[in-house]
Amino acid sequence: MKVFLLERLVSLVLKFQNLSAFHILDVRKAPFDLHNVSNFLGDLLTCDALKGQYLKTNSLCYLQEFAKVRNKVFSNLKSIAQNKTNSGVINAP
């Protein structure tokens, strides 16, 4: 949760200070094994690109496409979580 808040805080500071930033992430070296993220890497990169274009252009078509892809990812992740729960793989803390 802390990482999520810090990422949002940085985004807000950059936006309100009219600063731009570059993502420097080598996706070939990133640890995408956690929670089947590797299965959605293409969709996640698409979301990032669409969000960036929306922020640059303020064109709603990018935001609408972002929402479609994001909802698809969330739906797939929810299905995976339900399947694991139903099969007893997930252990409660």
PDB file of N, CA and C in Angstrom:
ATOM      1  N   MET A   1       0.822  -1.190   0.000  1.00  0.00           N
ATOM      2  CA  MET A   1       0.000   0.000   0.000  1.00  0.00           C
ATOM      3  C   MET A   1       0.866   1.255   0.000  1.00  0.00           C
ATOM      4  N   LYS A   2       1.964   1.202   0.756  1.00  0.00           N
ATOM      5  CA  LYS A   2       2.848   2.366   0.843  1.00  0.00           C
ATOM      6  C   LYS A   2       3.435   2.711  -0.524  1.00  0.00           C
ATOM      7  N   VAL A   3       3.839   1.694  -1.278  1.00  0.00           N
ATOM      8  CA  VAL A   3       4.408   1.919  -2.608  1.00  0.00           C
ATOM      9  C   VAL A   3       3.368   2.553  -3.519  1.00  0.00           C
ATOM     10  N   PHE A   4       2.148   2.070  -3.453  1.00  0.00           N
ATOM     11  CA  PHE A   4       1.066   2.625  -4.265  1.00  0.00           C
ATOM     12  C   PHE A   4       0.888   4.105  -3.978  1.00  0.00           C
ATOM     13  N   LEU A   5       0.854   4.470  -2.705  1.00  0.00           N
ATOM     14  CA  LEU A   5       0.676   5.876  -2.329  1.00  0.00           C
ATOM     15  C   LEU A   5       1.847   6.734  -2.790  1.00  0.00           C
ATOM     16  N   LEU A   6       3.056   6.218  -2.653  1.00  0.00           N
ATOM     17  CA  LEU A   6       4.224   6.977  -3.099  1.00  0.00           C
ATOM     18  C   LEU A   6       4.205   7.191  -4.607  1.00  0.00           C
ATOM     19  N   GLU A   7       3.817   6.168  -5.355  1.00  0.00           N
ATOM     20  CA  GLU A   7       3.735   6.313  -6.808  1.00  0.00           C
ATOM     21  C   GLU A   7       2.696   7.363  -7.188  1.00  0.00           C
ATOM     22  N   ARG A   8       1.563   7.369  -6.535  1.00  0.00           N
ATOM     23  CA  ARG A   8       0.527   8.362  -6.832  1.00  0.00           C
ATOM     24  C   ARG A   8       1.001   9.765  -6.450  1.00  0.00           C
ATOM     25  N   LEU A   9       1.707   9.872  -5.328  1.00  0.00           N
ATOM     26  CA  LEU A   9       2.207  11.167  -4.875  1.00  0.00           C
ATOM     27  C   LEU A   9       3.179  11.753  -5.889  1.00  0.00           C
ATOM     28  N   VAL A  10       4.083  10.934  -6.389  1.00  0.00           N
ATOM     29  CA  VAL A  10       5.042  11.399  -7.395  1.00  0.00           C
ATOM     30  C   VAL A  10       4.298  11.852  -8.649  1.00  0.00           C
ATOM     31  N   SER A  11       3.306  11.095  -9.070  1.00  0.00           N
ATOM     32  CA  SER A  11       2.526  11.468 -10.257  1.00  0.00           C
ATOM     33  C   SER A  11       1.844  12.818 -10.071  1.00  0.00           C
ATOM     34  N   LEU A  12       1.280  13.032  -8.893  1.00  0.00           N
ATOM     35  CA  LEU A  12       0.611  14.304  -8.627  1.00  0.00           C
ATOM     36  C   LEU A  12       1.590  15.473  -8.622  1.00  0.00           C
ATOM     37  N   VAL A  13       2.731  15.298  -7.999  1.00  0.00           N
ATOM     38  CA  VAL A  13       3.730  16.372  -7.957  1.00  0.00           C
ATOM     39  C   VAL A  13       4.189  16.711  -9.368  1.00  0.00           C
ATOM     40  N   LEU A  14       4.477  15.696 -10.170  1.00  0.00           N
ATOM     41  CA  LEU A  14       4.904  15.940 -11.549  1.00  0.00           C
ATOM     42  C   LEU A  14       3.824  16.667 -12.347  1.00  0.00           C
ATOM     43  N   LYS A  15       2.586  16.262 -12.161  1.00  0.00           N
ATOM     44  CA  LYS A  15       1.482  16.878 -12.910  1.00  0.00           C
ATOM     45  C   LYS A  15       1.299  18.336 -12.530  1.00  0.00           C
ATOM     46  N   PHE A  16       1.241  18.618 -11.237  1.00  0.00           N
ATOM     47  CA  PHE A  16       0.961  19.985 -10.812  1.00  0.00           C
ATOM     48  C   PHE A  16       2.145  20.930 -10.969  1.00  0.00           C
ATOM     49  N   GLN A  17       3.332  20.384 -11.108  1.00  0.00           N
ATOM     50  CA  GLN A  17       4.513  21.205 -11.367  1.00  0.00           C
ATOM     51  C   GLN A  17       4.817  21.273 -12.870  1.00  0.00           C
ATOM     52  N   ASN A  18       3.927  20.685 -13.691  1.00  0.00           N
ATOM     53  CA  ASN A  18       4.106  20.641 -15.145  1.00  0.00           C
ATOM     54  C   ASN A  18       5.469  20.094 -15.540  1.00  0.00           C
ATOM     55  N   LEU A  19       5.894  19.039 -14.869  1.00  0.00           N
ATOM     56  CA  LEU A  19       7.157  18.372 -15.163  1.00  0.00           C
ATOM     57  C   LEU A  19       6.871  17.071 -15.895  1.00  0.00           C
ATOM     58  N   SER A  20       7.763  16.696 -16.770  1.00  0.00           N
ATOM     59  CA  SER A  20       7.590  15.409 -17.429  1.00  0.00           C
ATOM     60  C   SER A  20       8.617  14.434 -16.872  1.00  0.00           C
ATOM     61  N   ALA A  21       8.323  13.180 -16.999  1.00  0.00           N
ATOM     62  CA  ALA A  21       9.217  12.140 -16.490  1.00  0.00           C
ATOM     63  C   ALA A  21       9.295  11.029 -17.527  1.00  0.00           C
ATOM     64  N   PHE A  22      10.363  10.277 -17.467  1.00  0.00           N
ATOM     65  CA  PHE A  22      10.550   9.158 -18.364  1.00  0.00           C
ATOM     66  C   PHE A  22      10.590   7.884 -17.534  1.00  0.00           C
ATOM     67  N   HIS A  23       9.938   6.852 -18.045  1.00  0.00           N
ATOM     68  CA  HIS A  23       9.993   5.551 -17.395  1.00  0.00           C
ATOM     69  C   HIS A  23      11.248   4.840 -17.877  1.00  0.00           C
ATOM     70  N   ILE A  24      12.066   4.421 -16.966  1.00  0.00           N
ATOM     71  CA  ILE A  24      13.250   3.668 -17.341  1.00  0.00           C
ATOM     72  C   ILE A  24      13.131   2.301 -16.687  1.00  0.00           C
ATOM     73  N   LEU A  25      12.519   1.388 -17.424  1.00  0.00           N
ATOM     74  CA  LEU A  25      12.297   0.043 -16.930  1.00  0.00           C
ATOM     75  C   LEU A  25      12.632  -0.930 -18.046  1.00  0.00           C
ATOM     76  N   ASP A  26      13.592  -1.769 -17.804  1.00  0.00           N
ATOM     77  CA  ASP A  26      13.919  -2.806 -18.766  1.00  0.00           C
ATOM     78  C   ASP A  26      13.016  -3.995 -18.450  1.00  0.00           C
ATOM     79  N   VAL A  27      11.962  -4.157 -19.243  1.00  0.00           N
ATOM     80  CA  VAL A  27      10.969  -5.189 -18.944  1.00  0.00           C
ATOM     81  C   VAL A  27      11.549  -6.593 -19.056  1.00  0.00           C
ATOM     82  N   ARG A  28      12.695  -6.736 -19.733  1.00  0.00           N
ATOM     83  CA  ARG A  28      13.316  -8.055 -19.849  1.00  0.00           C
ATOM     84  C   ARG A  28      13.951  -8.484 -18.526  1.00  0.00           C
ATOM     85  N   LYS A  29      14.271  -7.508 -17.659  1.00  0.00           N
ATOM     86  CA  LYS A  29      14.933  -7.821 -16.394  1.00  0.00           C
ATOM     87  C   LYS A  29      14.007  -7.691 -15.182  1.00  0.00           C
ATOM     88  N   ALA A  30      12.812  -7.198 -15.386  1.00  0.00           N
ATOM     89  CA  ALA A  30      11.898  -6.966 -14.265  1.00  0.00           C
ATOM     90  C   ALA A  30      11.311  -8.292 -13.766  1.00  0.00           C
ATOM     91  N   PRO A  31      11.064  -8.396 -12.465  1.00  0.00           N
ATOM     92  CA  PRO A  31      10.510  -9.637 -11.894  1.00  0.00           C
ATOM     93  C   PRO A  31       9.001  -9.721 -12.067  1.00  0.00           C
ATOM     94  N   PHE A  32       8.548 -10.266 -13.204  1.00  0.00           N
ATOM     95  CA  PHE A  32       7.122 -10.316 -13.487  1.00  0.00           C
ATOM     96  C   PHE A  32       6.474 -11.650 -13.133  1.00  0.00           C
ATOM     97  N   ASP A  33       7.129 -12.462 -12.328  1.00  0.00           N
ATOM     98  CA  ASP A  33       6.559 -13.752 -11.968  1.00  0.00           C
ATOM     99  C   ASP A  33       5.470 -13.640 -10.909  1.00  0.00           C
ATOM    100  N   LEU A  34       5.476 -12.573 -10.152  1.00  0.00           N
ATOM    101  CA  LEU A  34       4.554 -12.402  -9.044  1.00  0.00           C
ATOM    102  C   LEU A  34       3.117 -12.289  -9.527  1.00  0.00           C
ATOM    103  N   HIS A  35       2.249 -13.151  -9.040  1.00  0.00           N
ATOM    104  CA  HIS A  35       0.805 -13.108  -9.294  1.00  0.00           C
ATOM    105  C   HIS A  35       0.455 -13.123 -10.783  1.00  0.00           C
ATOM    106  N   ASN A  36       1.186 -13.900 -11.573  1.00  0.00           N
ATOM    107  CA  ASN A  36       0.883 -14.057 -13.004  1.00  0.00           C
ATOM    108  C   ASN A  36       0.937 -12.750 -13.789  1.00  0.00           C
ATOM    109  N   VAL A  37       1.702 -11.781 -13.323  1.00  0.00           N
ATOM    110  CA  VAL A  37       1.792 -10.502 -14.016  1.00  0.00           C
ATOM    111  C   VAL A  37       2.349 -10.692 -15.424  1.00  0.00           C
ATOM    112  N   SER A  38       3.241 -11.663 -15.590  1.00  0.00           N
ATOM    113  CA  SER A  38       3.830 -11.876 -16.909  1.00  0.00           C
ATOM    114  C   SER A  38       2.772 -12.195 -17.960  1.00  0.00           C
ATOM    115  N   ASN A  39       1.658 -12.779 -17.536  1.00  0.00           N
ATOM    116  CA  ASN A  39       0.573 -13.078 -18.472  1.00  0.00           C
ATOM    117  C   ASN A  39      -0.103 -11.812 -18.998  1.00  0.00           C
ATOM    118  N   PHE A  40       0.056 -10.717 -18.285  1.00  0.00           N
ATOM    119  CA  PHE A  40      -0.625  -9.478 -18.643  1.00  0.00           C
ATOM    120  C   PHE A  40       0.337  -8.356 -19.006  1.00  0.00           C
ATOM    121  N   LEU A  41       1.599  -8.694 -19.236  1.00  0.00           N
ATOM    122  CA  LEU A  41       2.601  -7.666 -19.484  1.00  0.00           C
ATOM    123  C   LEU A  41       2.231  -6.786 -20.675  1.00  0.00           C
ATOM    124  N   GLY A  42       1.777  -7.382 -21.760  1.00  0.00           N
ATOM    125  CA  GLY A  42       1.382  -6.596 -22.933  1.00  0.00           C
ATOM    126  C   GLY A  42       0.264  -5.629 -22.617  1.00  0.00           C
ATOM    127  N   ASP A  43      -0.743  -6.105 -21.889  1.00  0.00           N
ATOM    128  CA  ASP A  43      -1.864  -5.232 -21.517  1.00  0.00           C
ATOM    129  C   ASP A  43      -1.419  -4.124 -20.562  1.00  0.00           C
ATOM    130  N   LEU A  44      -0.508  -4.455 -19.643  1.00  0.00           N
ATOM    131  CA  LEU A  44      -0.025  -3.442 -18.703  1.00  0.00           C
ATOM    132  C   LEU A  44       0.774  -2.358 -19.424  1.00  0.00           C
ATOM    133  N   LEU A  45       1.592  -2.770 -20.380  1.00  0.00           N
ATOM    134  CA  LEU A  45       2.346  -1.783 -21.166  1.00  0.00           C
ATOM    135  C   LEU A  45       1.400  -0.937 -22.015  1.00  0.00           C
ATOM    136  N   THR A  46       0.361  -1.557 -22.542  1.00  0.00           N
ATOM    137  CA  THR A  46      -0.642  -0.815 -23.314  1.00  0.00           C
ATOM    138  C   THR A  46      -1.329   0.216 -22.436  1.00  0.00           C
ATOM    139  N   CYS A  47      -1.698  -0.176 -21.224  1.00  0.00           N
ATOM    140  CA  CYS A  47      -2.326   0.765 -20.290  1.00  0.00           C
ATOM    141  C   CYS A  47      -1.408   1.948 -20.010  1.00  0.00           C
ATOM    142  N   ASP A  48      -0.134   1.661 -19.788  1.00  0.00           N
ATOM    143  CA  ASP A  48       0.822   2.724 -19.502  1.00  0.00           C
ATOM    144  C   ASP A  48       0.930   3.687 -20.682  1.00  0.00           C
ATOM    145  N   ALA A  49       1.000   3.147 -21.894  1.00  0.00           N
ATOM    146  CA  ALA A  49       1.105   3.992 -23.084  1.00  0.00           C
ATOM    147  C   ALA A  49      -0.161   4.827 -23.289  1.00  0.00           C
ATOM    148  N   LEU A  50      -1.319   4.212 -23.115  1.00  0.00           N
ATOM    149  CA  LEU A  50      -2.576   4.943 -23.279  1.00  0.00           C
ATOM    150  C   LEU A  50      -2.724   6.048 -22.241  1.00  0.00           C
ATOM    151  N   LYS A  51      -2.338   5.756 -21.001  1.00  0.00           N
ATOM    152  CA  LYS A  51      -2.407   6.769 -19.948  1.00  0.00           C
ATOM    153  C   LYS A  51      -1.472   7.937 -20.275  1.00  0.00           C
ATOM    154  N   GLY A  52      -0.275   7.614 -20.742  1.00  0.00           N
ATOM    155  CA  GLY A  52       0.673   8.662 -21.100  1.00  0.00           C
ATOM    156  C   GLY A  52       0.162   9.540 -22.230  1.00  0.00           C
ATOM    157  N   GLN A  53      -0.434   8.928 -23.248  1.00  0.00           N
ATOM    158  CA  GLN A  53      -0.978   9.710 -24.363  1.00  0.00           C
ATOM    159  C   GLN A  53      -2.149  10.574 -23.921  1.00  0.00           C
ATOM    160  N   TYR A  54      -2.987  10.045 -23.035  1.00  0.00           N
ATOM    161  CA  TYR A  54      -4.093  10.856 -22.515  1.00  0.00           C
ATOM    162  C   TYR A  54      -3.561  12.073 -21.765  1.00  0.00           C
ATOM    163  N   LEU A  55      -2.537  11.870 -20.929  1.00  0.00           N
ATOM    164  CA  LEU A  55      -1.984  12.984 -20.168  1.00  0.00           C
ATOM    165  C   LEU A  55      -1.337  14.029 -21.080  1.00  0.00           C
ATOM    166  N   LYS A  56      -0.775  13.587 -22.200  1.00  0.00           N
ATOM    167  CA  LYS A  56      -0.155  14.527 -23.140  1.00  0.00           C
ATOM    168  C   LYS A  56      -1.176  15.280 -23.975  1.00  0.00           C
ATOM    169  N   THR A  57      -2.252  14.586 -24.376  1.00  0.00           N
ATOM    170  CA  THR A  57      -3.183  15.161 -25.356  1.00  0.00           C
ATOM    171  C   THR A  57      -4.533  15.577 -24.775  1.00  0.00           C
ATOM    172  N   ASN A  58      -4.889  15.038 -23.623  1.00  0.00           N
ATOM    173  CA  ASN A  58      -6.216  15.257 -23.029  1.00  0.00           C
ATOM    174  C   ASN A  58      -7.340  14.724 -23.920  1.00  0.00           C
ATOM    175  N   SER A  59      -7.016  13.815 -24.824  1.00  0.00           N
ATOM    176  CA  SER A  59      -8.002  13.240 -25.722  1.00  0.00           C
ATOM    177  C   SER A  59      -8.694  12.066 -25.029  1.00  0.00           C
ATOM    178  N   LEU A  60     -10.004  12.134 -24.951  1.00  0.00           N
ATOM    179  CA  LEU A  60     -10.766  11.117 -24.226  1.00  0.00           C
ATOM    180  C   LEU A  60     -10.679   9.730 -24.857  1.00  0.00           C
ATOM    181  N   CYS A  61     -10.349   9.648 -26.145  1.00  0.00           N
ATOM    182  CA  CYS A  61     -10.277   8.314 -26.768  1.00  0.00           C
ATOM    183  C   CYS A  61      -9.201   7.467 -26.093  1.00  0.00           C
ATOM    184  N   TYR A  62      -8.093   8.082 -25.663  1.00  0.00           N
ATOM    185  CA  TYR A  62      -7.045   7.330 -24.968  1.00  0.00           C
ATOM    186  C   TYR A  62      -7.531   6.856 -23.596  1.00  0.00           C
ATOM    187  N   LEU A  63      -8.255   7.704 -22.912  1.00  0.00           N
ATOM    188  CA  LEU A  63      -8.776   7.345 -21.594  1.00  0.00           C
ATOM    189  C   LEU A  63      -9.800   6.221 -21.698  1.00  0.00           C
ATOM    190  N   GLN A  64     -10.628   6.274 -22.722  1.00  0.00           N
ATOM    191  CA  GLN A  64     -11.641   5.232 -22.916  1.00  0.00           C
ATOM    192  C   GLN A  64     -10.991   3.887 -23.236  1.00  0.00           C
ATOM    193  N   GLU A  65      -9.980   3.878 -24.083  1.00  0.00           N
ATOM    194  CA  GLU A  65      -9.282   2.631 -24.400  1.00  0.00           C
ATOM    195  C   GLU A  65      -8.524   2.102 -23.186  1.00  0.00           C
ATOM    196  N   PHE A  66      -7.930   3.021 -22.408  1.00  0.00           N
ATOM    197  CA  PHE A  66      -7.256   2.636 -21.173  1.00  0.00           C
ATOM    198  C   PHE A  66      -8.225   1.901 -20.255  1.00  0.00           C
ATOM    199  N   ALA A  67      -9.432   2.446 -20.096  1.00  0.00           N
ATOM    200  CA  ALA A  67     -10.430   1.833 -19.214  1.00  0.00           C
ATOM    201  C   ALA A  67     -10.810   0.437 -19.705  1.00  0.00           C
ATOM    202  N   LYS A  68     -10.931   0.252 -21.011  1.00  0.00           N
ATOM    203  CA  LYS A  68     -11.277  -1.066 -21.561  1.00  0.00           C
ATOM    204  C   LYS A  68     -10.195  -2.096 -21.250  1.00  0.00           C
ATOM    205  N   VAL A  69      -8.941  -1.720 -21.508  1.00  0.00           N
ATOM    206  CA  VAL A  69      -7.840  -2.656 -21.269  1.00  0.00           C
ATOM    207  C   VAL A  69      -7.691  -2.939 -19.787  1.00  0.00           C
ATOM    208  N   ARG A  70      -7.779  -1.894 -18.961  1.00  0.00           N
ATOM    209  CA  ARG A  70      -7.676  -2.061 -17.509  1.00  0.00           C
ATOM    210  C   ARG A  70      -8.760  -2.987 -16.984  1.00  0.00           C
ATOM    211  N   ASN A  71      -9.981  -2.798 -17.446  1.00  0.00           N
ATOM    212  CA  ASN A  71     -11.085  -3.652 -16.993  1.00  0.00           C
ATOM    213  C   ASN A  71     -10.873  -5.097 -17.409  1.00  0.00           C
ATOM    214  N   LYS A  72     -10.303  -5.314 -18.594  1.00  0.00           N
ATOM    215  CA  LYS A  72     -10.004  -6.678 -19.048  1.00  0.00           C
ATOM    216  C   LYS A  72      -8.970  -7.332 -18.134  1.00  0.00           C
ATOM    217  N   VAL A  73      -7.936  -6.583 -17.788  1.00  0.00           N
ATOM    218  CA  VAL A  73      -6.895  -7.113 -16.900  1.00  0.00           C
ATOM    219  C   VAL A  73      -7.496  -7.440 -15.533  1.00  0.00           C
ATOM    220  N   PHE A  74      -8.269  -6.503 -14.973  1.00  0.00           N
ATOM    221  CA  PHE A  74      -8.875  -6.743 -13.659  1.00  0.00           C
ATOM    222  C   PHE A  74      -9.801  -7.956 -13.686  1.00  0.00           C
ATOM    223  N   SER A  75     -10.560  -8.104 -14.755  1.00  0.00           N
ATOM    224  CA  SER A  75     -11.468  -9.240 -14.871  1.00  0.00           C
ATOM    225  C   SER A  75     -10.686 -10.554 -14.912  1.00  0.00           C
ATOM    226  N   ASN A  76      -9.601 -10.571 -15.682  1.00  0.00           N
ATOM    227  CA  ASN A  76      -8.776 -11.773 -15.762  1.00  0.00           C
ATOM    228  C   ASN A  76      -8.108 -12.091 -14.427  1.00  0.00           C
ATOM    229  N   LEU A  77      -7.603 -11.071 -13.750  1.00  0.00           N
ATOM    230  CA  LEU A  77      -6.976 -11.282 -12.441  1.00  0.00           C
ATOM    231  C   LEU A  77      -7.993 -11.782 -11.420  1.00  0.00           C
ATOM    232  N   LYS A  78      -9.205 -11.247 -11.493  1.00  0.00           N
ATOM    233  CA  LYS A  78     -10.259 -11.693 -10.576  1.00  0.00           C
ATOM    234  C   LYS A  78     -10.588 -13.163 -10.818  1.00  0.00           C
ATOM    235  N   SER A  79     -10.630 -13.562 -12.077  1.00  0.00           N
ATOM    236  CA  SER A  79     -10.905 -14.968 -12.413  1.00  0.00           C
ATOM    237  C   SER A  79      -9.808 -15.876 -11.883  1.00  0.00           C
ATOM    238  N   ILE A  80      -8.551 -15.452 -12.037  1.00  0.00           N
ATOM    239  CA  ILE A  80      -7.427 -16.241 -11.529  1.00  0.00           C
ATOM    240  C   ILE A  80      -7.528 -16.385 -10.016  1.00  0.00           C
ATOM    241  N   ALA A  81      -7.828 -15.285  -9.324  1.00  0.00           N
ATOM    242  CA  ALA A  81      -7.936 -15.325  -7.867  1.00  0.00           C
ATOM    243  C   ALA A  81      -9.077 -16.236  -7.427  1.00  0.00           C
ATOM    244  N   GLN A  82     -10.216 -16.177  -8.129  1.00  0.00           N
ATOM    245  CA  GLN A  82     -11.347 -17.030  -7.776  1.00  0.00           C
ATOM    246  C   GLN A  82     -11.013 -18.496  -8.006  1.00  0.00           C
ATOM    247  N   ASN A  83     -10.313 -18.782  -9.095  1.00  0.00           N
ATOM    248  CA  ASN A  83      -9.929 -20.170  -9.379  1.00  0.00           C
ATOM    249  C   ASN A  83      -8.984 -20.698  -8.310  1.00  0.00           C
ATOM    250  N   LYS A  84      -8.050 -19.873  -7.867  1.00  0.00           N
ATOM    251  CA  LYS A  84      -7.125 -20.302  -6.824  1.00  0.00           C
ATOM    252  C   LYS A  84      -7.855 -20.489  -5.505  1.00  0.00           C
ATOM    253  N   THR A  85      -8.791 -19.603  -5.212  1.00  0.00           N
ATOM    254  CA  THR A  85      -9.562 -19.712  -3.977  1.00  0.00           C
ATOM    255  C   THR A  85     -10.404 -20.993  -3.994  1.00  0.00           C
ATOM    256  N   ASN A  86     -11.042 -21.247  -5.129  1.00  0.00           N
ATOM    257  CA  ASN A  86     -11.884 -22.444  -5.260  1.00  0.00           C
ATOM    258  C   ASN A  86     -11.073 -23.730  -5.194  1.00  0.00           C
ATOM    259  N   SER A  87      -9.827 -23.678  -5.650  1.00  0.00           N
ATOM    260  CA  SER A  87      -9.005 -24.878  -5.624  1.00  0.00           C
ATOM    261  C   SER A  87      -8.248 -25.016  -4.313  1.00  0.00           C
ATOM    262  N   GLY A  88      -8.382 -24.014  -3.426  1.00  0.00           N
ATOM    263  CA  GLY A  88      -7.730 -24.082  -2.110  1.00  0.00           C
ATOM    264  C   GLY A  88      -6.276 -23.706  -2.127  1.00  0.00           C
ATOM    265  N   VAL A  89      -5.798 -23.048  -3.178  1.00  0.00           N
ATOM    266  CA  VAL A  89      -4.386 -22.689  -3.274  1.00  0.00           C
ATOM    267  C   VAL A  89      -4.047 -21.518  -2.385  1.00  0.00           C
ATOM    268  N   ILE A  90      -4.964 -20.564  -2.275  1.00  0.00           N
ATOM    269  CA  ILE A  90      -4.679 -19.371  -1.470  1.00  0.00           C
ATOM    270  C   ILE A  90      -4.915 -19.698   0.006  1.00  0.00           C
ATOM    271  N   ASN A  91      -3.934 -19.394   0.808  1.00  0.00           N
ATOM    272  CA  ASN A  91      -4.036 -19.620   2.256  1.00  0.00           C
ATOM    273  C   ASN A  91      -4.300 -18.292   2.950  1.00  0.00           C
ATOM    274  N   ALA A  92      -5.219 -18.279   3.840  1.00  0.00           N
ATOM    275  CA  ALA A  92      -5.521 -17.063   4.605  1.00  0.00           C
ATOM    276  C   ALA A  92      -4.390 -16.794   5.584  1.00  0.00           C
ATOM    277  N   PRO A  93      -4.046 -15.483   5.765  1.00  0.00           N
ATOM    278  CA  PRO A  93      -2.963 -15.168   6.716  1.00  0.00           C
ATOM    279  C   PRO A  93      -3.354 -15.439   8.144  1.00  0.00           C
TER     280      PRO A  93
END
